[in-house]
PDB file of N, CA and C in Angstrom:
ATOM      1  N   UNK A   1      -9.348   7.437 -22.644  1.00  0.00           N
ATOM      2  CA  UNK A   1      -8.278   6.720 -21.961  1.00  0.00           C
ATOM      3  C   UNK A   1      -8.452   6.919 -20.456  1.00  0.00           C
ATOM      4  N   UNK A   2      -8.274   5.861 -19.690  1.00  0.00           N
ATOM      5  CA  UNK A   2      -8.378   5.993 -18.238  1.00  0.00           C
ATOM      6  C   UNK A   2      -7.069   6.534 -17.671  1.00  0.00           C
ATOM      7  N   UNK A   3      -7.081   6.923 -16.434  1.00  0.00           N
ATOM      8  CA  UNK A   3      -5.916   7.549 -15.825  1.00  0.00           C
ATOM      9  C   UNK A   3      -5.219   6.662 -14.826  1.00  0.00           C
ATOM     10  N   UNK A   4      -5.129   5.365 -15.135  1.00  0.00           N
ATOM     11  CA  UNK A   4      -4.529   4.428 -14.187  1.00  0.00           C
ATOM     12  C   UNK A   4      -3.027   4.252 -14.379  1.00  0.00           C
ATOM     13  N   UNK A   5      -2.503   4.668 -15.525  1.00  0.00           N
ATOM     14  CA  UNK A   5      -1.080   4.542 -15.816  1.00  0.00           C
ATOM     15  C   UNK A   5      -0.433   5.919 -15.760  1.00  0.00           C
ATOM     16  N   UNK A   6       0.598   6.056 -14.934  1.00  0.00           N
ATOM     17  CA  UNK A   6       1.231   7.354 -14.696  1.00  0.00           C
ATOM     18  C   UNK A   6       1.788   7.969 -15.981  1.00  0.00           C
ATOM     19  N   UNK A   7       2.319   7.146 -16.892  1.00  0.00           N
ATOM     20  CA  UNK A   7       2.915   7.651 -18.127  1.00  0.00           C
ATOM     21  C   UNK A   7       1.890   8.346 -19.024  1.00  0.00           C
ATOM     22  N   UNK A   8       0.608   8.003 -18.874  1.00  0.00           N
ATOM     23  CA  UNK A   8      -0.440   8.608 -19.700  1.00  0.00           C
ATOM     24  C   UNK A   8      -0.860   9.988 -19.204  1.00  0.00           C
ATOM     25  N   UNK A   9      -0.605  10.273 -17.933  1.00  0.00           N
ATOM     26  CA  UNK A   9      -1.045  11.527 -17.317  1.00  0.00           C
ATOM     27  C   UNK A   9       0.135  12.491 -17.278  1.00  0.00           C
ATOM     28  N   UNK A  10      -0.026  13.654 -17.897  1.00  0.00           N
ATOM     29  CA  UNK A  10       1.063  14.630 -17.962  1.00  0.00           C
ATOM     30  C   UNK A  10       0.571  15.993 -17.507  1.00  0.00           C
ATOM     31  N   UNK A  11       1.448  16.793 -16.887  1.00  0.00           N
ATOM     32  CA  UNK A  11       1.058  18.163 -16.541  1.00  0.00           C
ATOM     33  C   UNK A  11       0.574  18.903 -17.786  1.00  0.00           C
ATOM     34  N   UNK A  12      -0.517  19.624 -17.647  1.00  0.00           N
ATOM     35  CA  UNK A  12      -1.108  20.341 -18.771  1.00  0.00           C
ATOM     36  C   UNK A  12      -2.234  19.590 -19.452  1.00  0.00           C
ATOM     37  N   UNK A  13      -2.401  18.296 -19.118  1.00  0.00           N
ATOM     38  CA  UNK A  13      -3.475  17.500 -19.717  1.00  0.00           C
ATOM     39  C   UNK A  13      -4.822  17.899 -19.117  1.00  0.00           C
ATOM     40  N   UNK A  14      -5.852  17.893 -19.940  1.00  0.00           N
ATOM     41  CA  UNK A  14      -7.220  18.124 -19.480  1.00  0.00           C
ATOM     42  C   UNK A  14      -7.797  16.770 -19.068  1.00  0.00           C
ATOM     43  N   UNK A  15      -8.259  16.689 -17.819  1.00  0.00           N
ATOM     44  CA  UNK A  15      -8.715  15.410 -17.275  1.00  0.00           C
ATOM     45  C   UNK A  15     -10.009  15.576 -16.484  1.00  0.00           C
ATOM     46  N   UNK A  16     -10.683  14.453 -16.251  1.00  0.00           N
ATOM     47  CA  UNK A  16     -11.783  14.374 -15.293  1.00  0.00           C
ATOM     48  C   UNK A  16     -11.256  13.608 -14.093  1.00  0.00           C
ATOM     49  N   UNK A  17     -11.419  14.190 -12.888  1.00  0.00           N
ATOM     50  CA  UNK A  17     -10.988  13.516 -11.666  1.00  0.00           C
ATOM     51  C   UNK A  17     -12.191  13.312 -10.757  1.00  0.00           C
ATOM     52  N   UNK A  18     -12.042  12.390  -9.812  1.00  0.00           N
ATOM     53  CA  UNK A  18     -13.029  12.246  -8.753  1.00  0.00           C
ATOM     54  C   UNK A  18     -12.359  12.726  -7.466  1.00  0.00           C
ATOM     55  N   UNK A  19     -12.986  13.697  -6.814  1.00  0.00           N
ATOM     56  CA  UNK A  19     -12.476  14.231  -5.556  1.00  0.00           C
ATOM     57  C   UNK A  19     -12.788  13.256  -4.429  1.00  0.00           C
ATOM     58  N   UNK A  20     -12.028  13.336  -3.333  1.00  0.00           N
ATOM     59  CA  UNK A  20     -12.233  12.447  -2.188  1.00  0.00           C
ATOM     60  C   UNK A  20     -13.691  12.519  -1.708  1.00  0.00           C
ATOM     61  N   UNK A  21     -14.244  13.732  -1.614  1.00  0.00           N
ATOM     62  CA  UNK A  21     -15.621  13.894  -1.122  1.00  0.00           C
ATOM     63  C   UNK A  21     -16.659  13.342  -2.088  1.00  0.00           C
ATOM     64  N   UNK A  22     -16.275  13.142  -3.354  1.00  0.00           N
ATOM     65  CA  UNK A  22     -17.211  12.666  -4.378  1.00  0.00           C
ATOM     66  C   UNK A  22     -17.041  11.188  -4.715  1.00  0.00           C
ATOM     67  N   UNK A  23     -16.213  10.467  -3.966  1.00  0.00           N
ATOM     68  CA  UNK A  23     -15.939   9.073  -4.315  1.00  0.00           C
ATOM     69  C   UNK A  23     -17.187   8.196  -4.252  1.00  0.00           C
ATOM     70  N   UNK A  24     -18.076   8.451  -3.304  1.00  0.00           N
ATOM     71  CA  UNK A  24     -19.306   7.649  -3.205  1.00  0.00           C
ATOM     72  C   UNK A  24     -20.252   7.920  -4.372  1.00  0.00           C
ATOM     73  N   UNK A  25     -20.404   9.199  -4.724  1.00  0.00           N
ATOM     74  CA  UNK A  25     -21.343   9.563  -5.791  1.00  0.00           C
ATOM     75  C   UNK A  25     -20.737   9.372  -7.178  1.00  0.00           C
ATOM     76  N   UNK A  26     -19.407   9.453  -7.262  1.00  0.00           N
ATOM     77  CA  UNK A  26     -18.740   9.312  -8.554  1.00  0.00           C
ATOM     78  C   UNK A  26     -18.768  10.575  -9.398  1.00  0.00           C
ATOM     79  N   UNK A  27     -19.132  11.713  -8.783  1.00  0.00           N
ATOM     80  CA  UNK A  27     -19.172  12.990  -9.498  1.00  0.00           C
ATOM     81  C   UNK A  27     -17.776  13.359  -9.993  1.00  0.00           C
ATOM     82  N   UNK A  28     -17.679  13.713 -11.277  1.00  0.00           N
ATOM     83  CA  UNK A  28     -16.392  14.056 -11.870  1.00  0.00           C
ATOM     84  C   UNK A  28     -16.185  15.561 -11.888  1.00  0.00           C
ATOM     85  N   UNK A  29     -14.926  15.969 -11.746  1.00  0.00           N
ATOM     86  CA  UNK A  29     -14.521  17.360 -11.811  1.00  0.00           C
ATOM     87  C   UNK A  29     -13.502  17.494 -12.928  1.00  0.00           C
ATOM     88  N   UNK A  30     -13.725  18.446 -13.828  1.00  0.00           N
ATOM     89  CA  UNK A  30     -12.818  18.647 -14.964  1.00  0.00           C
ATOM     90  C   UNK A  30     -11.779  19.698 -14.607  1.00  0.00           C
ATOM     91  N   UNK A  31     -10.544  19.477 -15.064  1.00  0.00           N
ATOM     92  CA  UNK A  31      -9.495  20.456 -14.820  1.00  0.00           C
ATOM     93  C   UNK A  31      -8.216  20.098 -15.540  1.00  0.00           C
ATOM     94  N   UNK A  32      -7.236  20.986 -15.390  1.00  0.00           N
ATOM     95  CA  UNK A  32      -5.928  20.821 -16.023  1.00  0.00           C
ATOM     96  C   UNK A  32      -4.935  20.355 -14.964  1.00  0.00           C
ATOM     97  N   UNK A  33      -4.172  19.312 -15.277  1.00  0.00           N
ATOM     98  CA  UNK A  33      -3.204  18.742 -14.331  1.00  0.00           C
ATOM     99  C   UNK A  33      -2.056  19.717 -14.100  1.00  0.00           C
ATOM    100  N   UNK A  34      -1.773  19.966 -12.812  1.00  0.00           N
ATOM    101  CA  UNK A  34      -0.617  20.780 -12.435  1.00  0.00           C
ATOM    102  C   UNK A  34       0.528  19.877 -11.960  1.00  0.00           C
ATOM    103  N   UNK A  35       0.205  18.961 -11.015  1.00  0.00           N
ATOM    104  CA  UNK A  35       1.221  18.070 -10.446  1.00  0.00           C
ATOM    105  C   UNK A  35       0.692  16.643 -10.377  1.00  0.00           C
ATOM    106  N   UNK A  36       1.601  15.675 -10.549  1.00  0.00           N
ATOM    107  CA  UNK A  36       1.269  14.266 -10.329  1.00  0.00           C
ATOM    108  C   UNK A  36       1.700  13.914  -8.908  1.00  0.00           C
ATOM    109  N   UNK A  37       0.794  13.358  -8.125  1.00  0.00           N
ATOM    110  CA  UNK A  37       1.082  13.061  -6.727  1.00  0.00           C
ATOM    111  C   UNK A  37       1.351  11.585  -6.476  1.00  0.00           C
ATOM    112  N   UNK A  38       0.924  10.708  -7.377  1.00  0.00           N
ATOM    113  CA  UNK A  38       1.192   9.269  -7.248  1.00  0.00           C
ATOM    114  C   UNK A  38       2.561   8.986  -7.858  1.00  0.00           C
ATOM    115  N   UNK A  39       3.412   8.302  -7.079  1.00  0.00           N
ATOM    116  CA  UNK A  39       4.769   8.030  -7.583  1.00  0.00           C
ATOM    117  C   UNK A  39       4.871   6.688  -8.305  1.00  0.00           C
ATOM    118  N   UNK A  40       3.937   5.764  -8.037  1.00  0.00           N
ATOM    119  CA  UNK A  40       4.011   4.461  -8.693  1.00  0.00           C
ATOM    120  C   UNK A  40       3.577   4.559 -10.157  1.00  0.00           C
ATOM    121  N   UNK A  41       3.996   3.605 -10.967  1.00  0.00           N
ATOM    122  CA  UNK A  41       3.719   3.632 -12.405  1.00  0.00           C
ATOM    123  C   UNK A  41       2.265   3.322 -12.724  1.00  0.00           C
ATOM    124  N   UNK A  42       1.566   2.638 -11.792  1.00  0.00           N
ATOM    125  CA  UNK A  42       0.174   2.236 -12.031  1.00  0.00           C
ATOM    126  C   UNK A  42      -0.580   2.301 -10.713  1.00  0.00           C
ATOM    127  N   UNK A  43      -1.839   2.728 -10.769  1.00  0.00           N
ATOM    128  CA  UNK A  43      -2.695   2.686  -9.586  1.00  0.00           C
ATOM    129  C   UNK A  43      -4.098   2.260 -10.029  1.00  0.00           C
ATOM    130  N   UNK A  44      -4.662   1.219  -9.410  1.00  0.00           N
ATOM    131  CA  UNK A  44      -5.947   0.678  -9.876  1.00  0.00           C
ATOM    132  C   UNK A  44      -7.123   1.652  -9.782  1.00  0.00           C
ATOM    133  N   UNK A  45      -7.066   2.628  -8.872  1.00  0.00           N
ATOM    134  CA  UNK A  45      -8.169   3.589  -8.747  1.00  0.00           C
ATOM    135  C   UNK A  45      -7.897   4.899  -9.471  1.00  0.00           C
ATOM    136  N   UNK A  46      -6.738   5.008 -10.113  1.00  0.00           N
ATOM    137  CA  UNK A  46      -6.399   6.217 -10.860  1.00  0.00           C
ATOM    138  C   UNK A  46      -5.239   6.959 -10.225  1.00  0.00           C
ATOM    139  N   UNK A  47      -4.458   7.624 -11.061  1.00  0.00           N
ATOM    140  CA  UNK A  47      -3.311   8.395 -10.594  1.00  0.00           C
ATOM    141  C   UNK A  47      -3.820   9.640  -9.870  1.00  0.00           C
ATOM    142  N   UNK A  48      -3.268   9.921  -8.685  1.00  0.00           N
ATOM    143  CA  UNK A  48      -3.679  11.098  -7.930  1.00  0.00           C
ATOM    144  C   UNK A  48      -2.933  12.316  -8.463  1.00  0.00           C
ATOM    145  N   UNK A  49      -3.699  13.389  -8.721  1.00  0.00           N
ATOM    146  CA  UNK A  49      -3.122  14.614  -9.274  1.00  0.00           C
ATOM    147  C   UNK A  49      -3.645  15.837  -8.530  1.00  0.00           C
ATOM    148  N   UNK A  50      -2.901  16.946  -8.672  1.00  0.00           N
ATOM    149  CA  UNK A  50      -3.359  18.261  -8.225  1.00  0.00           C
ATOM    150  C   UNK A  50      -3.681  19.054  -9.475  1.00  0.00           C
ATOM    151  N   UNK A  51      -4.875  19.612  -9.527  1.00  0.00           N
ATOM    152  CA  UNK A  51      -5.275  20.429 -10.674  1.00  0.00           C
ATOM    153  C   UNK A  51      -4.720  21.841 -10.529  1.00  0.00           C
ATOM    154  N   UNK A  52      -4.777  22.600 -11.613  1.00  0.00           N
ATOM    155  CA  UNK A  52      -4.282  23.974 -11.623  1.00  0.00           C
ATOM    156  C   UNK A  52      -4.993  24.843 -10.584  1.00  0.00           C
ATOM    157  N   UNK A  53      -6.253  24.516 -10.262  1.00  0.00           N
ATOM    158  CA  UNK A  53      -7.004  25.297  -9.274  1.00  0.00           C
ATOM    159  C   UNK A  53      -6.798  24.799  -7.845  1.00  0.00           C
ATOM    160  N   UNK A  54      -5.924  23.783  -7.667  1.00  0.00           N
ATOM    161  CA  UNK A  54      -5.573  23.315  -6.334  1.00  0.00           C
ATOM    162  C   UNK A  54      -6.334  22.094  -5.853  1.00  0.00           C
ATOM    163  N   UNK A  55      -7.370  21.672  -6.563  1.00  0.00           N
ATOM    164  CA  UNK A  55      -8.138  20.496  -6.149  1.00  0.00           C
ATOM    165  C   UNK A  55      -7.318  19.227  -6.386  1.00  0.00           C
ATOM    166  N   UNK A  56      -7.497  18.247  -5.493  1.00  0.00           N
ATOM    167  CA  UNK A  56      -6.747  16.995  -5.575  1.00  0.00           C
ATOM    168  C   UNK A  56      -7.724  15.832  -5.711  1.00  0.00           C
ATOM    169  N   UNK A  57      -7.422  14.930  -6.642  1.00  0.00           N
ATOM    170  CA  UNK A  57      -8.261  13.757  -6.830  1.00  0.00           C
ATOM    171  C   UNK A  57      -7.588  12.750  -7.744  1.00  0.00           C
ATOM    172  N   UNK A  58      -8.313  11.667  -8.016  1.00  0.00           N
ATOM    173  CA  UNK A  58      -7.775  10.603  -8.864  1.00  0.00           C
ATOM    174  C   UNK A  58      -8.345  10.706 -10.275  1.00  0.00           C
ATOM    175  N   UNK A  59      -7.467  10.565 -11.261  1.00  0.00           N
ATOM    176  CA  UNK A  59      -7.867  10.690 -12.663  1.00  0.00           C
ATOM    177  C   UNK A  59      -8.756   9.516 -13.056  1.00  0.00           C
ATOM    178  N   UNK A  60      -9.917   9.835 -13.612  1.00  0.00           N
ATOM    179  CA  UNK A  60     -10.843   8.823 -14.096  1.00  0.00           C
ATOM    180  C   UNK A  60     -10.834   8.755 -15.619  1.00  0.00           C
ATOM    181  N   UNK A  61     -10.502   9.889 -16.250  1.00  0.00           N
ATOM    182  CA  UNK A  61     -10.557   9.959 -17.714  1.00  0.00           C
ATOM    183  C   UNK A  61      -9.629  11.076 -18.190  1.00  0.00           C
ATOM    184  N   UNK A  62      -8.878  10.800 -19.229  1.00  0.00           N
ATOM    185  CA  UNK A  62      -8.039  11.824 -19.850  1.00  0.00           C
ATOM    186  C   UNK A  62      -8.783  12.332 -21.072  1.00  0.00           C
ATOM    187  N   UNK A  63      -9.083  13.635 -21.064  1.00  0.00           N
ATOM    188  CA  UNK A  63      -9.864  14.226 -22.151  1.00  0.00           C
ATOM    189  C   UNK A  63      -8.957  14.694 -23.280  1.00  0.00           C
ATOM    190  N   UNK A  64      -7.847  15.344 -22.905  1.00  0.00           N
ATOM    191  CA  UNK A  64      -6.948  15.960 -23.870  1.00  0.00           C
ATOM    192  C   UNK A  64      -5.523  15.536 -23.549  1.00  0.00           C
ATOM    193  N   UNK A  65      -4.798  15.048 -24.516  1.00  0.00           N
ATOM    194  CA  UNK A  65      -3.476  14.513 -24.260  1.00  0.00           C
ATOM    195  C   UNK A  65      -2.349  15.497 -24.511  1.00  0.00           C
ATOM    196  N   UNK A  66      -2.689  16.768 -24.650  1.00  0.00           N
ATOM    197  CA  UNK A  66      -1.626  17.778 -24.864  1.00  0.00           C
ATOM    198  C   UNK A  66      -1.003  18.110 -23.541  1.00  0.00           C
TER     199      UNK A  66
END
């Protein structure tokens, strides 16, 4: 599932995000969602989140829906 719809992304979910510095290369970073930073219900490039380790990026893929 992609991470473009805010309702699909929940704190505690395991996701792959793309960091700002990796947007050109498309390198994904795996982590657990701590906070949702995008307030709109949908974002075409992915919902922006803060991971548990503090990294911020846009969700590209939801791995685990727990």
